[in-house]
C-alpha atoms as a PDB file:
ATOM      1  CA  MET A   1       0.000   0.000   0.000  1.00  0.00           C
ATOM      2  CA  SER A   2       1.380   3.388  -0.999  1.00  0.00           C
ATOM      3  CA  ASP A   3      -0.970   6.259  -0.234  1.00  0.00           C
ATOM      4  CA  GLU A   4       0.080   9.899  -0.409  1.00  0.00           C
ATOM      5  CA  ASN A   5      -1.358  10.386   3.079  1.00  0.00           C
ATOM      6  CA  ALA A   6      -0.004   7.159   4.607  1.00  0.00           C
ATOM      7  CA  GLY A   7       1.863   9.024   7.359  1.00  0.00           C
ATOM      8  CA  TYR A   8      -1.193  10.884   8.652  1.00  0.00           C
ATOM      9  CA  ILE A   9      -1.638  10.851  12.432  1.00  0.00           C
ATOM     10  CA  PRO A  10      -5.032  12.101  13.737  1.00  0.00           C
ATOM     11  CA  PRO A  11      -4.726  15.143  16.003  1.00  0.00           C
ATOM     12  CA  GLU A  12      -6.023  15.053  19.554  1.00  0.00           C
ATOM     13  CA  VAL A  13      -8.926  17.342  18.546  1.00  0.00           C
ATOM     14  CA  TRP A  14     -10.179  17.410  14.950  1.00  0.00           C
ATOM     15  CA  SER A  15     -10.605  20.633  12.978  1.00  0.00           C
ATOM     16  CA  PRO A  16     -11.679  21.177   9.356  1.00  0.00           C
ATOM     17  CA  PRO A  17      -8.838  20.761   6.843  1.00  0.00           C
ATOM     18  CA  ALA A  18      -7.375  23.907   5.369  1.00  0.00           C
ATOM     19  CA  GLY A  19      -6.468  22.432   1.976  1.00  0.00           C
ATOM     20  CA  ASP A  20      -8.278  20.618  -0.799  1.00  0.00           C
ATOM     21  CA  ALA A  21     -10.680  18.067   0.686  1.00  0.00           C
ATOM     22  CA  GLY A  22     -12.222  16.923  -2.584  1.00  0.00           C
ATOM     23  CA  ARG A  23     -14.985  17.943  -4.935  1.00  0.00           C
ATOM     24  CA  TRP A  24     -17.455  19.059  -2.247  1.00  0.00           C
ATOM     25  CA  SER A  25     -14.965  20.778   0.049  1.00  0.00           C
ATOM     26  CA  SER A  26     -16.268  24.258  -0.791  1.00  0.00           C
ATOM     27  CA  ILE A  27     -19.693  23.539   0.722  1.00  0.00           C
ATOM     28  CA  ASN A  28     -18.949  20.955   3.417  1.00  0.00           C
ATOM     29  CA  ARG A  29     -18.961  22.197   7.003  1.00  0.00           C
ATOM     30  CA  PRO A  30     -19.204  20.385  10.355  1.00  0.00           C
ATOM     31  CA  THR A  31     -22.281  22.400  11.348  1.00  0.00           C
ATOM     32  CA  ALA A  32     -25.963  22.306  10.383  1.00  0.00           C
ATOM     33  CA  GLY A  33     -28.516  25.059   9.830  1.00  0.00           C
ATOM     34  CA  ALA A  34     -29.307  27.703   7.236  1.00  0.00           C
ATOM     35  CA  ARG A  35     -26.520  29.727   5.647  1.00  0.00           C
ATOM     36  CA  HIS A  36     -28.655  32.201   3.716  1.00  0.00           C
ATOM     37  CA  GLU A  37     -32.250  33.428   3.624  1.00  0.00           C
ATOM     38  CA  ALA A  38     -34.400  32.242   0.732  1.00  0.00           C
ATOM     39  CA  GLU A  39     -37.952  31.001   0.509  1.00  0.00           C
ATOM     40  CA  LEU A  40     -38.783  27.842  -1.403  1.00  0.00           C
ATOM     41  CA  PRO A  41     -40.974  28.283  -4.475  1.00  0.00           C
ATOM     42  CA  ARG A  42     -44.437  26.736  -4.479  1.00  0.00           C
ATOM     43  CA  GLY A  43     -46.508  25.670  -7.468  1.00  0.00           C
ATOM     44  CA  SER A  44     -50.188  24.901  -7.935  1.00  0.00           C
ATOM     45  CA  HIS A  45     -50.206  21.230  -6.932  1.00  0.00           C
ATOM     46  CA  ALA A  46     -50.630  19.813  -3.447  1.00  0.00           C
ATOM     47  CA  LEU A  47     -47.317  17.943  -3.638  1.00  0.00           C
ATOM     48  CA  GLN A  48     -44.156  20.017  -3.871  1.00  0.00           C
ATOM     49  CA  LEU A  49     -40.862  18.226  -4.522  1.00  0.00           C
ATOM     50  CA  TYR A  50     -37.467  19.852  -3.969  1.00  0.00           C
ATOM     51  CA  SER A  51     -34.746  17.683  -5.396  1.00  0.00           C
ATOM     52  CA  LEU A  52     -31.932  16.977  -7.833  1.00  0.00           C
ATOM     53  CA  ALA A  53     -31.620  13.964 -10.122  1.00  0.00           C
ATOM     54  CA  THR A  54     -28.914  12.187  -8.139  1.00  0.00           C
ATOM     55  CA  PRO A  55     -29.591   8.530  -7.271  1.00  0.00           C
ATOM     56  CA  ASN A  56     -31.223   9.615  -4.015  1.00  0.00           C
ATOM     57  CA  GLY A  57     -33.201  12.366  -5.697  1.00  0.00           C
ATOM     58  CA  GLN A  58     -34.424  10.150  -8.537  1.00  0.00           C
ATOM     59  CA  LYS A  59     -36.290   7.928  -6.082  1.00  0.00           C
ATOM     60  CA  ALA A  60     -38.929  10.600  -5.388  1.00  0.00           C
ATOM     61  CA  GLY A  61     -39.412  11.576  -9.022  1.00  0.00           C
ATOM     62  CA  ILE A  62     -39.750   7.940 -10.070  1.00  0.00           C
ATOM     63  CA  MET A  63     -42.284   7.262  -7.318  1.00  0.00           C
ATOM     64  CA  LEU A  64     -44.459  10.201  -8.307  1.00  0.00           C
ATOM     65  CA  GLU A  65     -44.337   9.309 -12.001  1.00  0.00           C
ATOM     66  CA  GLU A  66     -45.147   5.667 -11.203  1.00  0.00           C
ATOM     67  CA  LEU A  67     -48.175   6.807  -9.206  1.00  0.00           C
ATOM     68  CA  LEU A  68     -49.365   8.951 -12.096  1.00  0.00           C
ATOM     69  CA  ALA A  69     -48.822   6.053 -14.516  1.00  0.00           C
ATOM     70  CA  ALA A  70     -50.931   3.902 -12.178  1.00  0.00           C
ATOM     71  CA  GLY A  71     -53.827   6.338 -12.523  1.00  0.00           C
ATOM     72  CA  GLU A  72     -53.361   8.313  -9.297  1.00  0.00           C
ATOM     73  CA  SER A  73     -54.177  11.809 -10.539  1.00  0.00           C
ATOM     74  CA  GLY A  74     -53.844  13.143  -7.000  1.00  0.00           C
ATOM     75  CA  ALA A  75     -50.112  12.543  -7.259  1.00  0.00           C
ATOM     76  CA  GLU A  76     -49.668  15.484  -9.621  1.00  0.00           C
ATOM     77  CA  TYR A  77     -46.800  17.584  -8.366  1.00  0.00           C
ATOM     78  CA  ASP A  78     -44.439  20.471  -8.903  1.00  0.00           C
ATOM     79  CA  ALA A  79     -40.717  19.726  -8.774  1.00  0.00           C
ATOM     80  CA  TRP A  80     -38.074  22.369  -8.148  1.00  0.00           C
ATOM     81  CA  MET A  81     -34.347  21.869  -8.599  1.00  0.00           C
ATOM     82  CA  ILE A  82     -32.124  22.188  -5.550  1.00  0.00           C
ATOM     83  CA  ASP A  83     -28.622  22.770  -6.899  1.00  0.00           C
ATOM     84  CA  ILE A  84     -26.468  21.214  -4.201  1.00  0.00           C
ATOM     85  CA  GLY A  85     -23.270  22.405  -5.874  1.00  0.00           C
ATOM     86  CA  LYS A  86     -24.422  25.992  -5.357  1.00  0.00           C
ATOM     87  CA  GLY A  87     -25.607  25.409  -1.794  1.00  0.00           C
ATOM     88  CA  ASP A  88     -29.365  25.692  -2.397  1.00  0.00           C
ATOM     89  CA  GLN A  89     -29.877  23.043   0.287  1.00  0.00           C
ATOM     90  CA  PHE A  90     -28.657  25.493   2.912  1.00  0.00           C
ATOM     91  CA  SER A  91     -31.346  28.117   2.322  1.00  0.00           C
ATOM     92  CA  SER A  92     -33.629  28.928   5.240  1.00  0.00           C
ATOM     93  CA  GLY A  93     -36.614  27.627   3.284  1.00  0.00           C
ATOM     94  CA  PHE A  94     -35.052  24.278   2.509  1.00  0.00           C
ATOM     95  CA  VAL A  95     -33.654  23.794   6.001  1.00  0.00           C
ATOM     96  CA  ALA A  96     -37.157  24.365   7.377  1.00  0.00           C
ATOM     97  CA  VAL A  97     -38.299  21.365   5.325  1.00  0.00           C
ATOM     98  CA  ASN A  98     -35.193  19.254   5.899  1.00  0.00           C
ATOM     99  CA  PRO A  99     -32.959  20.200   8.837  1.00  0.00           C
ATOM    100  CA  ASN A 100     -30.357  17.778   7.450  1.00  0.00           C
ATOM    101  CA  SER A 101     -29.945  19.822   4.231  1.00  0.00           C
ATOM    102  CA  LYS A 102     -30.073  16.818   1.909  1.00  0.00           C
ATOM    103  CA  ILE A 103     -32.228  16.170  -1.147  1.00  0.00           C
ATOM    104  CA  PRO A 104     -34.924  15.099  -1.808  1.00  0.00           C
ATOM    105  CA  ALA A 105     -37.535  16.804   0.334  1.00  0.00           C
ATOM    106  CA  LEU A 106     -41.296  16.945  -0.108  1.00  0.00           C
ATOM    107  CA  VAL A 107     -44.072  19.137   1.261  1.00  0.00           C
ATOM    108  CA  ASP A 108     -47.560  17.619   1.221  1.00  0.00           C
ATOM    109  CA  TYR A 109     -50.314  20.249   1.299  1.00  0.00           C
ATOM    110  CA  MET A 110     -53.211  17.808   0.915  1.00  0.00           C
ATOM    111  CA  GLY A 111     -54.432  18.077   4.508  1.00  0.00           C
ATOM    112  CA  GLU A 112     -55.297  20.980   6.757  1.00  0.00           C
ATOM    113  CA  THR A 113     -51.704  21.177   7.962  1.00  0.00           C
ATOM    114  CA  PRO A 114     -48.744  20.955   5.565  1.00  0.00           C
ATOM    115  CA  VAL A 115     -46.583  17.890   6.152  1.00  0.00           C
ATOM    116  CA  ARG A 116     -42.857  18.001   5.531  1.00  0.00           C
ATOM    117  CA  VAL A 117     -41.232  14.724   4.489  1.00  0.00           C
ATOM    118  CA  PHE A 118     -37.484  14.352   4.270  1.00  0.00           C
ATOM    119  CA  GLU A 119     -35.204  11.375   3.647  1.00  0.00           C
ATOM    120  CA  SER A 120     -35.899   9.560   0.393  1.00  0.00           C
ATOM    121  CA  GLY A 121     -37.110   6.375   2.084  1.00  0.00           C
ATOM    122  CA  ALA A 122     -39.590   8.338   4.176  1.00  0.00           C
ATOM    123  CA  ILE A 123     -40.922  10.035   1.035  1.00  0.00           C
ATOM    124  CA  LEU A 124     -41.452   6.669  -0.674  1.00  0.00           C
ATOM    125  CA  LEU A 125     -43.193   5.250   2.384  1.00  0.00           C
ATOM    126  CA  HIS A 126     -45.360   8.363   2.834  1.00  0.00           C
ATOM    127  CA  LEU A 127     -46.552   8.285  -0.772  1.00  0.00           C
ATOM    128  CA  ALA A 128     -47.043   4.511  -0.845  1.00  0.00           C
ATOM    129  CA  ASP A 129     -49.291   4.616   2.206  1.00  0.00           C
ATOM    130  CA  LYS A 130     -51.118   7.761   1.060  1.00  0.00           C
ATOM    131  CA  PHE A 131     -52.077   6.283  -2.314  1.00  0.00           C
ATOM    132  CA  GLY A 132     -52.106   2.593  -1.419  1.00  0.00           C
ATOM    133  CA  LYS A 133     -49.665   1.703  -4.196  1.00  0.00           C
ATOM    134  CA  PHE A 134     -46.335  -0.112  -4.490  1.00  0.00           C
ATOM    135  CA  LEU A 135     -46.379  -1.447  -0.927  1.00  0.00           C
ATOM    136  CA  PRO A 136     -48.686  -4.061   0.602  1.00  0.00           C
ATOM    137  CA  ALA A 137     -50.881  -2.620   3.350  1.00  0.00           C
ATOM    138  CA  PHE A 138     -49.986  -5.313   5.869  1.00  0.00           C
ATOM    139  CA  GLY A 139     -48.570  -8.797   6.316  1.00  0.00           C
ATOM    140  CA  PRO A 140     -45.315 -10.578   5.501  1.00  0.00           C
ATOM    141  CA  GLU A 141     -45.135  -9.073   2.001  1.00  0.00           C
ATOM    142  CA  ARG A 142     -45.086  -5.555   3.439  1.00  0.00           C
ATOM    143  CA  THR A 143     -42.393  -6.492   5.940  1.00  0.00           C
ATOM    144  CA  GLU A 144     -40.232  -8.077   3.246  1.00  0.00           C
ATOM    145  CA  ALA A 145     -40.498  -5.011   1.038  1.00  0.00           C
ATOM    146  CA  LEU A 146     -39.548  -2.796   3.991  1.00  0.00           C
ATOM    147  CA  ASN A 147     -36.614  -5.083   4.760  1.00  0.00           C
ATOM    148  CA  TRP A 148     -35.173  -4.312   1.336  1.00  0.00           C
ATOM    149  CA  LEU A 149     -36.115  -0.634   1.429  1.00  0.00           C
ATOM    150  CA  PHE A 150     -34.127  -0.140   4.616  1.00  0.00           C
ATOM    151  CA  TRP A 151     -31.344  -2.384   3.333  1.00  0.00           C
ATOM    152  CA  LEU A 152     -30.871   0.073   0.491  1.00  0.00           C
ATOM    153  CA  GLN A 153     -31.189   3.129   2.713  1.00  0.00           C
ATOM    154  CA  GLY A 154     -28.481   1.784   4.993  1.00  0.00           C
ATOM    155  CA  SER A 155     -26.294   0.557   2.136  1.00  0.00           C
ATOM    156  CA  ALA A 156     -26.325   3.565  -0.217  1.00  0.00           C
ATOM    157  CA  PRO A 157     -23.863   5.641   1.872  1.00  0.00           C
ATOM    158  CA  PHE A 158     -21.241   2.923   1.409  1.00  0.00           C
ATOM    159  CA  ILE A 159     -21.708   3.207  -2.355  1.00  0.00           C
ATOM    160  CA  GLY A 160     -21.924   6.991  -2.637  1.00  0.00           C
ATOM    161  CA  GLY A 161     -20.152   8.580   0.299  1.00  0.00           C
ATOM    162  CA  GLY A 162     -17.740   5.669   0.537  1.00  0.00           C
ATOM    163  CA  PHE A 163     -16.824   4.112  -2.803  1.00  0.00           C
ATOM    164  CA  GLY A 164     -17.972   6.978  -4.992  1.00  0.00           C
ATOM    165  CA  HIS A 165     -16.180   9.610  -2.965  1.00  0.00           C
ATOM    166  CA  PHE A 166     -12.809   7.884  -2.797  1.00  0.00           C
ATOM    167  CA  TYR A 167     -12.939   6.466  -6.338  1.00  0.00           C
ATOM    168  CA  ALA A 168     -14.134   9.609  -8.126  1.00  0.00           C
ATOM    169  CA  TYR A 169     -14.114  12.702  -5.917  1.00  0.00           C
ATOM    170  CA  ALA A 170     -11.215  12.537  -3.461  1.00  0.00           C
ATOM    171  CA  PRO A 171      -8.342  14.947  -4.205  1.00  0.00           C
ATOM    172  CA  PHE A 172      -5.978  12.022  -4.899  1.00  0.00           C
ATOM    173  CA  PRO A 173      -6.350   8.224  -5.203  1.00  0.00           C
ATOM    174  CA  GLN A 174      -5.919   6.296  -1.977  1.00  0.00           C
ATOM    175  CA  GLU A 175      -5.545   2.540  -2.139  1.00  0.00           C
ATOM    176  CA  TYR A 176      -6.869   1.611   1.286  1.00  0.00           C
ATOM    177  CA  PRO A 177     -10.263   3.435   1.205  1.00  0.00           C
ATOM    178  CA  ILE A 178     -10.861   2.489  -2.445  1.00  0.00           C
ATOM    179  CA  ASN A 179     -10.235  -1.164  -1.617  1.00  0.00           C
ATOM    180  CA  ARG A 180     -12.350  -0.942   1.524  1.00  0.00           C
ATOM    181  CA  TYR A 181     -15.391   0.523  -0.193  1.00  0.00           C
ATOM    182  CA  ALA A 182     -15.020  -1.418  -3.448  1.00  0.00           C
ATOM    183  CA  MET A 183     -15.131  -4.571  -1.317  1.00  0.00           C
ATOM    184  CA  GLU A 184     -18.341  -3.431   0.378  1.00  0.00           C
ATOM    185  CA  THR A 185     -19.958  -2.214  -2.844  1.00  0.00           C
ATOM    186  CA  LYS A 186     -19.309  -5.548  -4.559  1.00  0.00           C
ATOM    187  CA  ARG A 187     -20.674  -7.367  -1.524  1.00  0.00           C
ATOM    188  CA  LEU A 188     -23.870  -5.301  -1.767  1.00  0.00           C
ATOM    189  CA  LEU A 189     -24.158  -6.057  -5.488  1.00  0.00           C
ATOM    190  CA  ASP A 190     -23.804  -9.727  -4.641  1.00  0.00           C
ATOM    191  CA  VAL A 191     -26.498  -9.490  -1.954  1.00  0.00           C
ATOM    192  CA  ALA A 192     -28.901  -8.006  -4.515  1.00  0.00           C
ATOM    193  CA  ASP A 193     -27.875 -10.484  -7.210  1.00  0.00           C
ATOM    194  CA  ARG A 194     -28.515 -13.469  -4.944  1.00  0.00           C
ATOM    195  CA  ARG A 195     -31.880 -12.081  -3.865  1.00  0.00           C
ATOM    196  CA  LEU A 196     -32.921 -11.477  -7.466  1.00  0.00           C
ATOM    197  CA  GLY A 197     -31.980 -15.028  -8.315  1.00  0.00           C
ATOM    198  CA  GLU A 198     -34.801 -16.229  -6.049  1.00  0.00           C
ATOM    199  CA  ALA A 199     -37.432 -13.520  -6.638  1.00  0.00           C
ATOM    200  CA  GLN A 200     -38.464 -11.278  -9.496  1.00  0.00           C
ATOM    201  CA  TYR A 201     -38.230  -8.137  -7.374  1.00  0.00           C
ATOM    202  CA  LEU A 202     -36.407  -7.251  -4.183  1.00  0.00           C
ATOM    203  CA  GLY A 203     -39.578  -7.470  -2.097  1.00  0.00           C
ATOM    204  CA  GLY A 204     -40.810 -10.651  -3.758  1.00  0.00           C
ATOM    205  CA  GLU A 205     -43.090 -11.100  -6.756  1.00  0.00           C
ATOM    206  CA  SER A 206     -44.466  -7.543  -6.780  1.00  0.00           C
ATOM    207  CA  TYR A 207     -42.813  -4.270  -7.766  1.00  0.00           C
ATOM    208  CA  THR A 208     -42.553  -2.094  -4.651  1.00  0.00           C
ATOM    209  CA  ILE A 209     -40.885   0.962  -3.210  1.00  0.00           C
ATOM    210  CA  ALA A 210     -37.925  -1.289  -2.397  1.00  0.00           C
ATOM    211  CA  ASP A 211     -37.213  -1.531  -6.127  1.00  0.00           C
ATOM    212  CA  ILE A 212     -37.879   2.182  -6.638  1.00  0.00           C
ATOM    213  CA  ALA A 213     -35.347   2.993  -3.912  1.00  0.00           C
ATOM    214  CA  ALA A 214     -32.669   0.579  -5.081  1.00  0.00           C
ATOM    215  CA  TRP A 215     -32.821   1.008  -8.847  1.00  0.00           C
ATOM    216  CA  PRO A 216     -31.236   4.492  -9.115  1.00  0.00           C
ATOM    217  CA  TRP A 217     -28.177   3.345  -7.178  1.00  0.00           C
ATOM    218  CA  LEU A 218     -27.777  -0.201  -8.463  1.00  0.00           C
ATOM    219  CA  GLY A 219     -28.821   0.696 -11.981  1.00  0.00           C
ATOM    220  CA  ALA A 220     -26.300   3.522 -12.123  1.00  0.00           C
ATOM    221  CA  LEU A 221     -23.501   1.141 -11.162  1.00  0.00           C
ATOM    222  CA  MET A 222     -24.630  -1.637 -13.487  1.00  0.00           C
ATOM    223  CA  ASN A 223     -25.044   0.786 -16.423  1.00  0.00           C
ATOM    224  CA  ASN A 224     -21.654   2.423 -15.801  1.00  0.00           C
ATOM    225  CA  GLU A 225     -23.296   5.775 -15.106  1.00  0.00           C
ATOM    226  CA  ALA A 226     -22.090   6.173 -11.505  1.00  0.00           C
ATOM    227  CA  TYR A 227     -18.410   7.055 -11.283  1.00  0.00           C
ATOM    228  CA  LYS A 228     -17.706   5.205 -14.601  1.00  0.00           C
ATOM    229  CA  ALA A 229     -16.757   2.266 -12.418  1.00  0.00           C
ATOM    230  CA  GLY A 230     -18.634  -0.591 -14.062  1.00  0.00           C
ATOM    231  CA  ARG A 231     -15.540  -2.382 -15.353  1.00  0.00           C
ATOM    232  CA  PHE A 232     -13.606  -1.716 -12.153  1.00  0.00           C
ATOM    233  CA  LEU A 233     -16.391  -3.361 -10.140  1.00  0.00           C
ATOM    234  CA  GLY A 234     -16.868  -6.230 -12.590  1.00  0.00           C
ATOM    235  CA  VAL A 235     -20.618  -5.653 -12.859  1.00  0.00           C
ATOM    236  CA  ASP A 236     -21.070  -8.113 -15.736  1.00  0.00           C
ATOM    237  CA  ALA A 237     -20.842 -10.947 -13.206  1.00  0.00           C
ATOM    238  CA  TYR A 238     -24.200 -10.037 -11.633  1.00  0.00           C
ATOM    239  CA  THR A 239     -26.580 -11.585 -14.153  1.00  0.00           C
ATOM    240  CA  ASN A 240     -29.689 -11.621 -11.955  1.00  0.00           C
ATOM    241  CA  LEU A 241     -29.144  -7.991 -11.095  1.00  0.00           C
ATOM    242  CA  ARG A 242     -28.696  -7.180 -14.784  1.00  0.00           C
ATOM    243  CA  ARG A 243     -32.082  -8.744 -15.576  1.00  0.00           C
ATOM    244  CA  TRP A 244     -33.741  -6.648 -12.863  1.00  0.00           C
ATOM    245  CA  VAL A 245     -31.972  -3.417 -13.848  1.00  0.00           C
ATOM    246  CA  ASP A 246     -33.045  -3.769 -17.469  1.00  0.00           C
ATOM    247  CA  GLU A 247     -36.620  -4.715 -16.598  1.00  0.00           C
ATOM    248  CA  ILE A 248     -37.168  -1.808 -14.248  1.00  0.00           C
ATOM    249  CA  GLY A 249     -35.284   0.639 -16.446  1.00  0.00           C
ATOM    250  CA  ALA A 250     -37.793  -0.073 -19.230  1.00  0.00           C
ATOM    251  CA  ARG A 251     -40.753   1.086 -17.115  1.00  0.00           C
ATOM    252  CA  PRO A 252     -42.182   4.404 -18.415  1.00  0.00           C
ATOM    253  CA  GLY A 253     -42.529   5.759 -14.868  1.00  0.00           C
ATOM    254  CA  VAL A 254     -38.842   5.135 -14.218  1.00  0.00           C
ATOM    255  CA  GLN A 255     -37.767   6.676 -17.503  1.00  0.00           C
ATOM    256  CA  ARG A 256     -39.880   9.755 -16.821  1.00  0.00           C
ATOM    257  CA  GLY A 257     -39.064  10.086 -13.133  1.00  0.00           C
ATOM    258  CA  ARG A 258     -35.315  10.060 -13.519  1.00  0.00           C
ATOM    259  CA  ILE A 259     -35.518  13.109 -15.809  1.00  0.00           C
ATOM    260  CA  VAL A 260     -37.105  15.266 -13.103  1.00  0.00           C
ATOM    261  CA  ASN A 261     -34.753  17.952 -11.728  1.00  0.00           C
ATOM    262  CA  SER A 262     -31.955  16.868 -14.061  1.00  0.00           C
ATOM    263  CA  ASN A 263     -29.361  19.009 -15.783  1.00  0.00           C
ATOM    264  CA  ASP A 264     -28.502  18.758 -19.455  1.00  0.00           C
ATOM    265  CA  GLY A 265     -26.223  15.802 -20.070  1.00  0.00           C
ATOM    266  CA  GLU A 266     -24.929  13.205 -22.505  1.00  0.00           C
ATOM    267  CA  LYS A 267     -28.468  11.942 -23.158  1.00  0.00           C
ATOM    268  CA  GLY A 268     -29.811  15.371 -24.045  1.00  0.00           C
ATOM    269  CA  PRO A 269     -31.690  18.197 -22.326  1.00  0.00           C
ATOM    270  CA  GLY A 270     -32.623  17.961 -18.669  1.00  0.00           C
ATOM    271  CA  LEU A 271     -35.601  19.287 -16.741  1.00  0.00           C
ATOM    272  CA  ARG A 272     -34.846  21.706 -13.936  1.00  0.00           C
ATOM    273  CA  GLU A 273     -38.528  22.172 -13.026  1.00  0.00           C
ATOM    274  CA  ARG A 274     -41.555  19.954 -13.563  1.00  0.00           C
ATOM    275  CA  HIS A 275     -45.104  21.301 -13.322  1.00  0.00           C
ATOM    276  CA  ALA A 276     -47.043  19.108 -15.764  1.00  0.00           C
ATOM    277  CA  ALA A 277     -46.664  15.850 -17.658  1.00  0.00           C
ATOM    278  CA  SER A 278     -46.049  17.858 -20.817  1.00  0.00           C
ATOM    279  CA  ASP A 279     -42.759  19.131 -19.358  1.00  0.00           C
ATOM    280  CA  ILE A 280     -41.361  15.591 -19.347  1.00  0.00           C
ATOM    281  CA  ASP A 281     -42.952  14.830 -22.725  1.00  0.00           C
ATOM    282  CA  ALA A 282     -41.021  17.719 -24.255  1.00  0.00           C
ATOM    283  CA  VAL A 283     -37.701  16.476 -22.873  1.00  0.00           C
ATOM    284  CA  LEU A 284     -38.335  12.927 -24.087  1.00  0.00           C
ATOM    285  CA  ALA A 285     -39.231  14.222 -27.557  1.00  0.00           C
ATOM    286  CA  ALA A 286     -36.065  16.332 -27.717  1.00  0.00           C
ATOM    287  CA  ARG A 287     -33.902  13.405 -26.609  1.00  0.00           C
ATOM    288  CA  ALA A 288     -35.534  11.134 -29.197  1.00  0.00           C
ATOM    289  CA  LYS A 289     -34.297  13.458 -31.950  1.00  0.00           C
ATOM    290  CA  LEU A 290     -30.656  13.163 -30.908  1.00  0.00           C
END
């Protein structure tokens, strides 16, 4: 092992580093709370989504589009981009919705009192129970789906903040953390692959919020979209996972939902704000011409 920082000895009391600490060093701080005053915009629908099309953010957009595809007209929503690179998540308005300053966040105005919902898993669970879709109401099937939902919620930080950070965003390559998190990421891929060898979906034989939560992360790795690390991780070995990734990626609700709050990219124009189905239709039409 030969890391540039191999001789580092932790100080008695930690303090923020003065030098380059990676891609997000300009916005990372060891304190919470608002850093500037700004109200969140609000559209005409009862559901207001504040997000960005990262793997975590895509979960909420996919869920809402799946609900609309399932005929739930009450799931119409406005979506507003939160540009985390510019620090939008630290506005007073966003912090009031999510004190943890992470996307996605949702405000539900359907009842007498607005309900804030933060953490992507909580948003999926809130919407599934509200509309009675993509999660059994009770019984072993519900528990199994929740098992896999929380498996993903607990596992994603190892993929993103662990492997992704040290493989793609750290200021210099470091063998030990890359090995540590590549090992864990491959183990998680193997967990999913084994599960999908015995069931069609993570929760069993029905498509649930467990699949909606897991697909943006696992699909991004399997399709070489996250960190361009597909070959490094040997993703071709996970044949059951590949079947699942392709099957879910073909769903119209997934294709539409992942566009929400996206920037322009290799696949064509993005969609910073979404206020009607026609907004997504226009992006899909433009991409089809490329």
